[in-house]
Amino acid sequence: MDQAAIIGVGMTKIEANKAGDTFADMVWEAVNKALDDAGMTINDVDNVVTTSNDFWDGRTISCMAVGDASGARHKNASCVEGDGTFGAFYGLTRALSGDYGTTLVTAHSKGSESISSLITNAAFDPIYERAIGMDMITACAMQATAYLDRTGTTPDQLAMVSVKNHGNAKQNPLAQLPMDLTVDDVLKSEMLSDPLHKLDCSPVSDGCCAIIIANQARASKYSGRPVWIKGVSFCSDSYFLGDRDLARAPSLAQAAQSAFAMAGIKDPATEIDVAELYDAFTYQELMWLEAMGLCEDGKAGSRLESGDFHRNGRLPVNPSGGLLSGHPVIAAGLIRIAEIVKQLRGEAGGYQIPDARRGVAQGVNGLCGQSHCVWVLDRDNQEKEIG
């Protein structure tokens, strides 16, 4: 692929309820942080992509609520409804099109103003499935059961994901839920839908993220430190849950394989230094690791037990605390990208991974990981042989 880089990132603090902030307030904060980070003004941005969702925002044409705050006045502006990684994918294509040198991408959500069970229930087919009353938690509980049954992963190993990520969040000043937990704490927390306890599930949060993508000609023009986009891919699976094997994630496997091949990576398990994955539920971190080829199939739980995915392990996963420590829906995946940018620049503070050179970020759309978007980022702009 042609060369492009992320040259600016900005994030709000993730909170349970930003009662004093509107959607536009959050976006204004994140955009100005990204501009400052890149050493740019809004006049240096060629076009804008906003990422939002009418259901989560409680209004139609939800992008209109943040257009002005995103600096879209007198610019070509587009909107994407879904996770921020997909909005960033669209922003990347614009930066590489030859028509725009820089693209600002924003993603926001205020879960505090939503009833998540009603919103995610509406994702089901209205004729055959919605009336059953399922939501994201109950659907993902089905997937967790299928995954545990297929791989032999244990509830204790799921709980270890929560312990690790909430502990990591203690070093992240933007995280919502930094906590010291034990496996017993997780297993004794309220059972929401077997086998998922409350501490196996991410909170629904408020927050916003913005990134600035530049093509190669513009990436070095400003004072921001570019992090290079080496591989990107997304893939979708069947909409109906009954048409999928919920114990596996073939769409993620395909997206990851394509992104790694584009980046010239032959063995992601050894060539990736840090990963920020979409851990909306504890089982997902383990399941996604296996599907992406970052771990042997069925072995993520035991690898976690041995410490491989801790901050000081072989492959640190979600050193920021991940979604389990704060989950602003829609913005969540874009935050994963921004966190990898911080790691590769050496700007992650207390949760910095030493000498991280290459990282992967992942975003998800749809029920039980229907669609996945995978980003491979590198702090160097050296061409690598594609195998």
Protein backbone atom coordinates (compact mmCIF):
# COMPACT_ATOMS: atom_id res chain seq x y z
CA MET A 1 0.00 0.00 0.00
CA ASP A 2 1.02 3.65 -0.35
CA GLN A 3 2.46 5.23 2.76
CA ALA A 4 0.38 7.10 5.29
CA ALA A 5 0.83 7.91 8.96
CA ILE A 6 -1.08 8.95 12.05
CA ILE A 7 0.41 12.29 13.06
CA GLY A 8 -1.92 13.39 15.85
CA VAL A 9 -4.10 11.77 18.51
CA GLY A 10 -6.40 13.21 21.16
CA MET A 11 -8.64 11.58 23.77
CA THR A 12 -10.95 12.63 26.55
CA LYS A 13 -10.94 10.89 29.89
CA ILE A 14 -13.30 7.91 29.84
CA GLU A 15 -16.01 8.34 32.48
CA ALA A 16 -19.26 6.75 33.56
CA ASN A 17 -21.13 10.01 33.08
CA LYS A 18 -19.84 13.22 31.54
CA ALA A 19 -22.91 15.07 32.73
CA GLY A 20 -21.38 18.47 32.03
CA ASP A 21 -20.36 17.70 28.43
CA THR A 22 -22.42 17.49 25.26
CA PHE A 23 -21.35 15.38 22.29
CA ALA A 24 -19.83 18.52 20.78
CA ASP A 25 -17.93 19.37 23.97
CA MET A 26 -16.24 15.95 24.00
CA VAL A 27 -15.36 16.17 20.31
CA TRP A 28 -14.02 19.71 20.67
CA GLU A 29 -11.68 18.54 23.43
CA ALA A 30 -10.40 15.51 21.54
CA VAL A 31 -9.96 17.37 18.23
CA ASN A 32 -7.98 20.20 19.79
CA LYS A 33 -5.75 17.72 21.60
CA ALA A 34 -5.11 15.92 18.29
CA LEU A 35 -4.33 19.19 16.50
CA ASP A 36 -1.93 20.23 19.25
CA ASP A 37 -0.32 16.80 19.16
CA ALA A 38 0.26 17.10 15.41
CA GLY A 39 1.42 20.71 15.55
CA MET A 40 -1.40 21.73 13.21
CA THR A 41 -4.36 24.05 13.10
CA ILE A 42 -7.79 23.10 11.77
CA ASN A 43 -6.87 24.96 8.57
CA ASP A 44 -4.27 22.26 7.88
CA VAL A 45 -6.98 19.56 7.84
CA ASP A 46 -8.25 18.81 4.34
CA ASN A 47 -11.33 16.75 5.21
CA VAL A 48 -13.20 15.31 8.17
CA VAL A 49 -14.74 11.90 8.94
CA THR A 50 -17.02 11.69 11.98
CA THR A 51 -17.98 8.34 13.49
CA SER A 52 -21.20 8.06 15.46
CA ASN A 53 -24.39 6.05 15.83
CA ASP A 54 -27.97 7.32 15.80
CA PHE A 55 -29.11 4.70 18.32
CA TRP A 56 -26.40 5.47 20.86
CA ASP A 57 -26.79 9.23 20.39
CA GLY A 58 -30.58 9.10 20.55
CA ARG A 59 -31.04 11.23 17.46
CA THR A 60 -31.14 10.89 13.69
CA ILE A 61 -28.23 12.16 11.58
CA SER A 62 -26.10 12.02 14.71
CA CYS A 63 -23.05 13.31 12.85
CA MET A 64 -24.67 16.76 12.69
CA ALA A 65 -24.25 17.17 16.45
CA VAL A 66 -20.46 17.16 16.13
CA GLY A 67 -19.79 18.62 12.68
CA ASP A 68 -18.91 22.11 13.90
CA ALA A 69 -16.83 20.80 16.81
CA SER A 70 -14.92 18.59 14.36
CA GLY A 71 -13.98 21.63 12.29
CA ALA A 72 -15.98 20.48 9.29
CA ARG A 73 -17.00 24.00 8.22
CA HIS A 74 -16.04 24.62 4.58
CA LYS A 75 -14.50 21.13 4.37
CA ASN A 76 -15.58 17.91 2.73
CA ALA A 77 -17.11 15.90 5.58
CA SER A 78 -18.38 12.34 5.72
CA CYS A 79 -19.85 10.20 8.48
CA VAL A 80 -19.47 6.53 9.35
CA GLU A 81 -21.90 4.70 11.62
CA GLY A 82 -20.00 2.07 13.55
CA ASP A 83 -16.77 1.56 15.42
CA GLY A 84 -14.06 4.18 15.08
CA THR A 85 -11.61 1.81 13.38
CA PHE A 86 -13.99 1.63 10.43
CA GLY A 87 -14.25 5.42 10.36
CA ALA A 88 -10.46 5.58 10.38
CA PHE A 89 -10.34 3.08 7.51
CA TYR A 90 -12.48 5.44 5.45
CA GLY A 91 -10.29 8.35 6.52
CA LEU A 92 -7.20 6.47 5.41
CA THR A 93 -8.62 5.83 1.94
CA ARG A 94 -9.27 9.54 1.61
CA ALA A 95 -5.73 10.44 2.64
CA LEU A 96 -4.38 7.96 0.08
CA SER A 97 -6.77 8.99 -2.70
CA GLY A 98 -4.63 11.85 -3.91
CA ASP A 99 -7.44 14.32 -3.27
CA TYR A 100 -6.74 14.95 0.42
CA GLY A 101 -3.41 15.07 2.20
CA THR A 102 -4.77 15.05 5.74
CA THR A 103 -7.91 13.58 7.28
CA LEU A 104 -9.30 14.20 10.75
CA VAL A 105 -11.29 11.26 12.17
CA THR A 106 -13.47 11.57 15.27
CA ALA A 107 -15.53 9.02 17.19
CA HIS A 108 -17.70 9.65 20.23
CA SER A 109 -20.34 8.12 22.47
CA LYS A 110 -22.27 8.92 25.65
CA GLY A 111 -23.42 5.59 26.99
CA SER A 112 -24.68 7.34 30.10
CA GLU A 113 -27.57 8.74 28.05
CA SER A 114 -28.49 5.34 26.61
CA ILE A 115 -30.18 2.10 27.61
CA SER A 116 -27.69 -0.34 26.17
CA SER A 117 -29.90 -3.42 26.45
CA LEU A 118 -32.61 -1.81 24.30
CA ILE A 119 -30.10 -0.51 21.77
CA THR A 120 -28.27 -3.79 21.32
CA ASN A 121 -31.57 -5.71 21.25
CA ALA A 122 -32.45 -3.59 18.21
CA ALA A 123 -29.42 -5.03 16.41
CA PHE A 124 -31.26 -8.35 16.07
CA ASP A 125 -33.48 -9.22 13.13
CA PRO A 126 -36.89 -7.61 13.78
CA ILE A 127 -38.95 -10.50 12.41
CA TYR A 128 -37.37 -13.62 13.89
CA GLU A 129 -35.00 -12.68 16.73
CA ARG A 130 -35.64 -9.31 18.34
CA ALA A 131 -38.78 -10.42 20.20
CA ILE A 132 -36.77 -13.06 22.06
CA GLY A 133 -35.37 -10.17 24.09
CA MET A 134 -31.66 -10.87 23.71
CA ASP A 135 -29.06 -8.12 23.88
CA MET A 136 -25.30 -7.90 23.46
CA ILE A 137 -24.59 -9.43 26.88
CA THR A 138 -26.82 -12.47 26.45
CA ALA A 139 -25.65 -13.02 22.86
CA CYS A 140 -22.01 -12.82 23.89
CA ALA A 141 -22.70 -15.17 26.80
CA MET A 142 -23.77 -17.73 24.19
CA GLN A 143 -20.52 -17.11 22.32
CA ALA A 144 -18.47 -17.33 25.51
CA THR A 145 -20.07 -20.70 26.32
CA ALA A 146 -19.33 -21.98 22.82
CA TYR A 147 -15.72 -20.77 23.03
CA LEU A 148 -15.13 -22.28 26.48
CA ASP A 149 -16.64 -25.59 25.37
CA ARG A 150 -14.53 -25.78 22.22
CA THR A 151 -11.19 -24.77 23.70
CA GLY A 152 -11.38 -25.92 27.31
CA THR A 153 -10.67 -22.38 28.52
CA THR A 154 -11.87 -21.99 32.11
CA PRO A 155 -13.89 -19.27 33.92
CA ASP A 156 -10.81 -18.67 36.08
CA GLN A 157 -8.80 -17.84 32.97
CA LEU A 158 -11.50 -15.42 31.81
CA ALA A 159 -11.35 -13.77 35.23
CA MET A 160 -7.59 -13.34 34.85
CA VAL A 161 -8.23 -11.07 31.84
CA SER A 162 -10.30 -8.78 34.07
CA VAL A 163 -7.68 -8.83 36.82
CA LYS A 164 -4.92 -7.96 34.32
CA ASN A 165 -6.73 -5.19 32.48
CA HIS A 166 -8.22 -3.43 35.49
CA GLY A 167 -4.76 -3.59 37.04
CA ASN A 168 -3.18 -2.11 33.91
CA ALA A 169 -5.67 0.75 34.07
CA LYS A 170 -4.15 1.90 37.36
CA GLN A 171 -1.32 3.42 35.31
CA ASN A 172 -3.66 5.07 32.77
CA PRO A 173 -5.01 8.46 33.93
CA LEU A 174 -7.72 8.38 31.21
CA ALA A 175 -9.19 5.00 32.26
CA GLN A 176 -12.54 4.81 34.01
CA LEU A 177 -12.08 1.71 36.20
CA PRO A 178 -8.57 1.22 37.58
CA MET A 179 -8.88 -1.51 40.20
CA ASP A 180 -6.99 -4.13 42.13
CA LEU A 181 -8.93 -7.36 41.66
CA THR A 182 -8.48 -11.04 42.32
CA VAL A 183 -9.86 -13.94 40.32
CA ASP A 184 -12.17 -14.61 43.24
CA ASP A 185 -13.49 -11.03 43.06
CA VAL A 186 -14.45 -11.53 39.43
CA LEU A 187 -16.07 -14.92 39.97
CA LYS A 188 -18.06 -13.63 42.95
CA SER A 189 -19.36 -10.57 41.12
CA GLU A 190 -22.96 -10.60 39.93
CA MET A 191 -23.76 -13.18 37.23
CA LEU A 192 -25.26 -11.21 34.35
CA SER A 193 -25.63 -14.07 31.87
CA ASP A 194 -23.88 -17.37 32.43
CA PRO A 195 -20.86 -17.58 32.19
CA LEU A 196 -20.38 -13.79 32.21
CA HIS A 197 -20.11 -12.07 35.58
CA LYS A 198 -20.35 -8.32 35.95
CA LEU A 199 -16.56 -8.02 36.09
CA ASP A 200 -16.29 -10.09 32.88
CA CYS A 201 -18.13 -7.27 31.08
CA SER A 202 -17.06 -3.77 30.10
CA PRO A 203 -18.97 -0.74 31.34
CA VAL A 204 -20.88 1.46 28.91
CA SER A 205 -19.04 4.76 29.14
CA ASP A 206 -18.73 8.33 27.87
CA GLY A 207 -15.73 9.42 25.83
CA CYS A 208 -14.30 10.62 22.55
CA CYS A 209 -11.18 10.14 20.45
CA ALA A 210 -9.74 11.93 17.43
CA ILE A 211 -6.83 11.05 15.16
CA ILE A 212 -5.23 12.80 12.19
CA ILE A 213 -4.05 10.74 9.22
CA ALA A 214 -1.64 12.18 6.65
CA ASN A 215 -0.24 10.89 3.38
CA GLN A 216 3.50 10.56 3.05
CA ALA A 217 3.98 13.99 1.48
CA ARG A 218 2.25 15.72 4.39
CA ALA A 219 3.26 13.45 7.27
CA SER A 220 6.56 15.20 7.97
CA LYS A 221 5.36 18.74 7.33
CA TYR A 222 4.15 19.31 10.88
CA SER A 223 5.77 18.86 14.27
CA GLY A 224 3.84 15.70 15.25
CA ARG A 225 5.70 12.40 15.38
CA PRO A 226 4.29 10.15 12.63
CA VAL A 227 3.42 6.54 13.31
CA TRP A 228 3.16 4.67 10.03
CA ILE A 229 0.18 2.63 8.92
CA LYS A 230 1.59 -0.60 7.53
CA GLY A 231 -1.46 -2.81 7.14
CA VAL A 232 -5.23 -2.44 7.43
CA SER A 233 -8.09 -4.79 6.63
CA PHE A 234 -11.67 -5.47 7.64
CA CYS A 235 -13.99 -8.40 7.09
CA SER A 236 -17.61 -9.21 7.95
CA ASP A 237 -19.29 -12.51 8.80
CA SER A 238 -22.92 -13.59 8.47
CA TYR A 239 -25.51 -11.41 10.19
CA PHE A 240 -27.62 -14.22 11.65
CA LEU A 241 -25.97 -15.83 14.67
CA GLY A 242 -27.30 -19.22 13.59
CA ASP A 243 -25.36 -18.96 10.34
CA ARG A 244 -22.04 -18.71 12.21
CA ASP A 245 -19.88 -20.96 14.35
CA LEU A 246 -19.85 -18.69 17.39
CA ALA A 247 -16.91 -20.57 18.89
CA ARG A 248 -14.64 -19.19 16.16
CA ALA A 249 -14.00 -15.79 14.54
CA PRO A 250 -13.18 -16.44 10.86
CA SER A 251 -13.85 -12.84 9.81
CA LEU A 252 -11.23 -11.64 12.30
CA ALA A 253 -8.80 -14.31 11.15
CA GLN A 254 -9.19 -13.18 7.55
CA ALA A 255 -8.90 -9.48 8.40
CA ALA A 256 -5.79 -10.10 10.51
CA GLN A 257 -4.14 -12.26 7.87
CA SER A 258 -4.70 -9.58 5.23
CA ALA A 259 -3.44 -6.76 7.44
CA PHE A 260 -0.35 -8.69 8.52
CA ALA A 261 0.43 -9.70 4.92
CA MET A 262 0.13 -6.07 3.82
CA ALA A 263 2.58 -5.14 6.58
CA GLY A 264 5.02 -7.87 5.54
CA ILE A 265 4.53 -9.77 8.79
CA LYS A 266 4.97 -13.52 8.51
CA ASP A 267 4.77 -14.53 12.18
CA PRO A 268 2.60 -12.04 14.10
CA ALA A 269 3.03 -13.92 17.37
CA THR A 270 6.72 -12.97 17.41
CA GLU A 271 6.76 -9.79 15.29
CA ILE A 272 4.15 -7.74 17.16
CA ASP A 273 5.38 -5.89 20.26
CA VAL A 274 2.08 -4.70 21.73
CA ALA A 275 -1.63 -5.23 21.06
CA GLU A 276 -4.75 -3.23 21.92
CA LEU A 277 -7.75 -5.50 21.36
CA TYR A 278 -11.50 -5.00 21.63
CA ASP A 279 -12.10 -6.70 24.99
CA ALA A 280 -15.77 -5.83 25.51
CA PHE A 281 -15.90 -9.12 27.46
CA THR A 282 -13.09 -11.11 29.04
CA TYR A 283 -13.46 -14.12 26.76
CA GLN A 284 -13.10 -11.88 23.70
CA GLU A 285 -9.52 -10.90 24.48
CA LEU A 286 -8.53 -14.58 24.48
CA MET A 287 -10.69 -15.52 21.50
CA TRP A 288 -9.44 -12.58 19.41
CA LEU A 289 -5.80 -13.35 20.24
CA GLU A 290 -6.21 -16.85 18.85
CA ALA A 291 -8.14 -15.77 15.75
CA MET A 292 -5.49 -13.18 14.89
CA GLY A 293 -2.68 -15.70 15.07
CA LEU A 294 -1.10 -13.94 18.04
CA CYS A 295 -1.44 -17.15 20.01
CA GLU A 296 -2.00 -20.83 19.26
CA ASP A 297 -5.65 -21.81 18.94
CA GLY A 298 -7.13 -22.74 22.31
CA LYS A 299 -4.01 -21.75 24.23
CA ALA A 300 -4.65 -18.10 25.08
CA GLY A 301 -5.96 -18.90 28.55
CA SER A 302 -2.92 -20.92 29.53
CA ARG A 303 -0.59 -18.34 27.96
CA LEU A 304 -2.27 -15.67 30.04
CA GLU A 305 -1.80 -17.77 33.16
CA SER A 306 1.92 -17.95 32.42
CA GLY A 307 2.12 -14.15 32.14
CA ASP A 308 2.71 -13.86 28.39
CA PHE A 309 0.10 -11.11 27.90
CA HIS A 310 0.96 -8.98 30.92
CA ARG A 311 2.79 -5.65 30.57
CA ASN A 312 6.12 -7.36 31.21
CA GLY A 313 5.23 -10.46 29.18
CA ARG A 314 6.16 -11.65 25.71
CA LEU A 315 3.22 -9.87 24.06
CA PRO A 316 1.59 -7.19 26.24
CA VAL A 317 -2.15 -7.02 25.50
CA ASN A 318 -4.27 -4.02 26.46
CA PRO A 319 -1.64 -2.34 28.65
CA SER A 320 -3.94 0.72 28.72
CA GLY A 321 -6.59 -1.28 30.57
CA GLY A 322 -8.66 -1.99 27.47
CA LEU A 323 -12.43 -1.70 27.21
CA LEU A 324 -12.95 -3.56 30.48
CA SER A 325 -11.63 -0.42 32.15
CA GLY A 326 -13.80 1.98 30.13
CA HIS A 327 -15.90 1.39 27.01
CA PRO A 328 -17.25 4.39 25.12
CA VAL A 329 -19.01 2.49 22.34
CA ILE A 330 -18.11 3.75 18.82
CA ALA A 331 -14.99 5.53 20.13
CA ALA A 332 -13.56 2.30 21.59
CA GLY A 333 -11.71 1.05 18.51
CA LEU A 334 -10.31 4.47 17.63
CA ILE A 335 -8.96 4.66 21.18
CA ARG A 336 -7.21 1.33 20.58
CA ILE A 337 -5.44 2.91 17.57
CA ALA A 338 -4.52 6.01 19.58
CA GLU A 339 -3.14 3.85 22.40
CA ILE A 340 -0.87 2.00 19.98
CA VAL A 341 0.33 5.34 18.61
CA LYS A 342 1.24 6.40 22.15
CA GLN A 343 3.09 3.13 22.75
CA LEU A 344 5.14 3.37 19.56
CA ARG A 345 6.09 6.96 20.33
CA GLY A 346 7.11 6.04 23.88
CA GLU A 347 4.41 8.33 25.33
CA ALA A 348 2.31 5.87 27.34
CA GLY A 349 3.72 6.86 30.71
CA GLY A 350 3.31 4.31 33.49
CA TYR A 351 2.02 1.62 31.13
CA GLN A 352 4.68 2.12 28.45
CA ILE A 353 6.04 -1.08 26.87
CA PRO A 354 9.82 -0.71 26.54
CA ASP A 355 11.09 -0.30 22.96
CA ALA A 356 7.73 -1.05 21.33
CA ARG A 357 8.26 -0.69 17.59
CA ARG A 358 5.24 -2.40 16.02
CA GLY A 359 1.71 -2.80 17.31
CA VAL A 360 -1.75 -3.96 16.32
CA ALA A 361 -5.15 -2.44 17.10
CA GLN A 362 -8.57 -4.00 16.54
CA GLY A 363 -12.13 -2.77 16.34
CA VAL A 364 -15.46 -4.60 16.16
CA ASN A 365 -18.90 -3.99 14.72
CA GLY A 366 -22.02 -6.10 15.17
CA LEU A 367 -23.18 -8.86 17.46
CA CYS A 368 -20.59 -11.34 18.73
CA GLY A 369 -17.82 -9.89 16.58
CA GLN A 370 -19.64 -9.97 13.25
CA SER A 371 -17.18 -7.52 11.65
CA HIS A 372 -13.57 -6.78 12.55
CA CYS A 373 -11.10 -4.09 11.50
CA VAL A 374 -7.37 -4.65 12.11
CA TRP A 375 -4.63 -2.00 12.00
CA VAL A 376 -0.88 -2.69 12.00
CA LEU A 377 1.20 0.34 12.99
CA ASP A 378 4.98 0.84 12.98
CA ARG A 379 7.12 3.62 14.37
CA ASP A 380 9.48 3.30 11.38
CA ASN A 381 8.74 4.02 7.72
CA GLN A 382 10.95 1.28 6.30
CA GLU A 383 9.58 -0.85 3.52
CA LYS A 384 9.35 -4.51 4.49
CA GLU A 385 9.30 -7.45 2.15
CA ILE A 386 5.76 -8.81 1.76
CA GLY A 387 5.73 -12.58 2.05
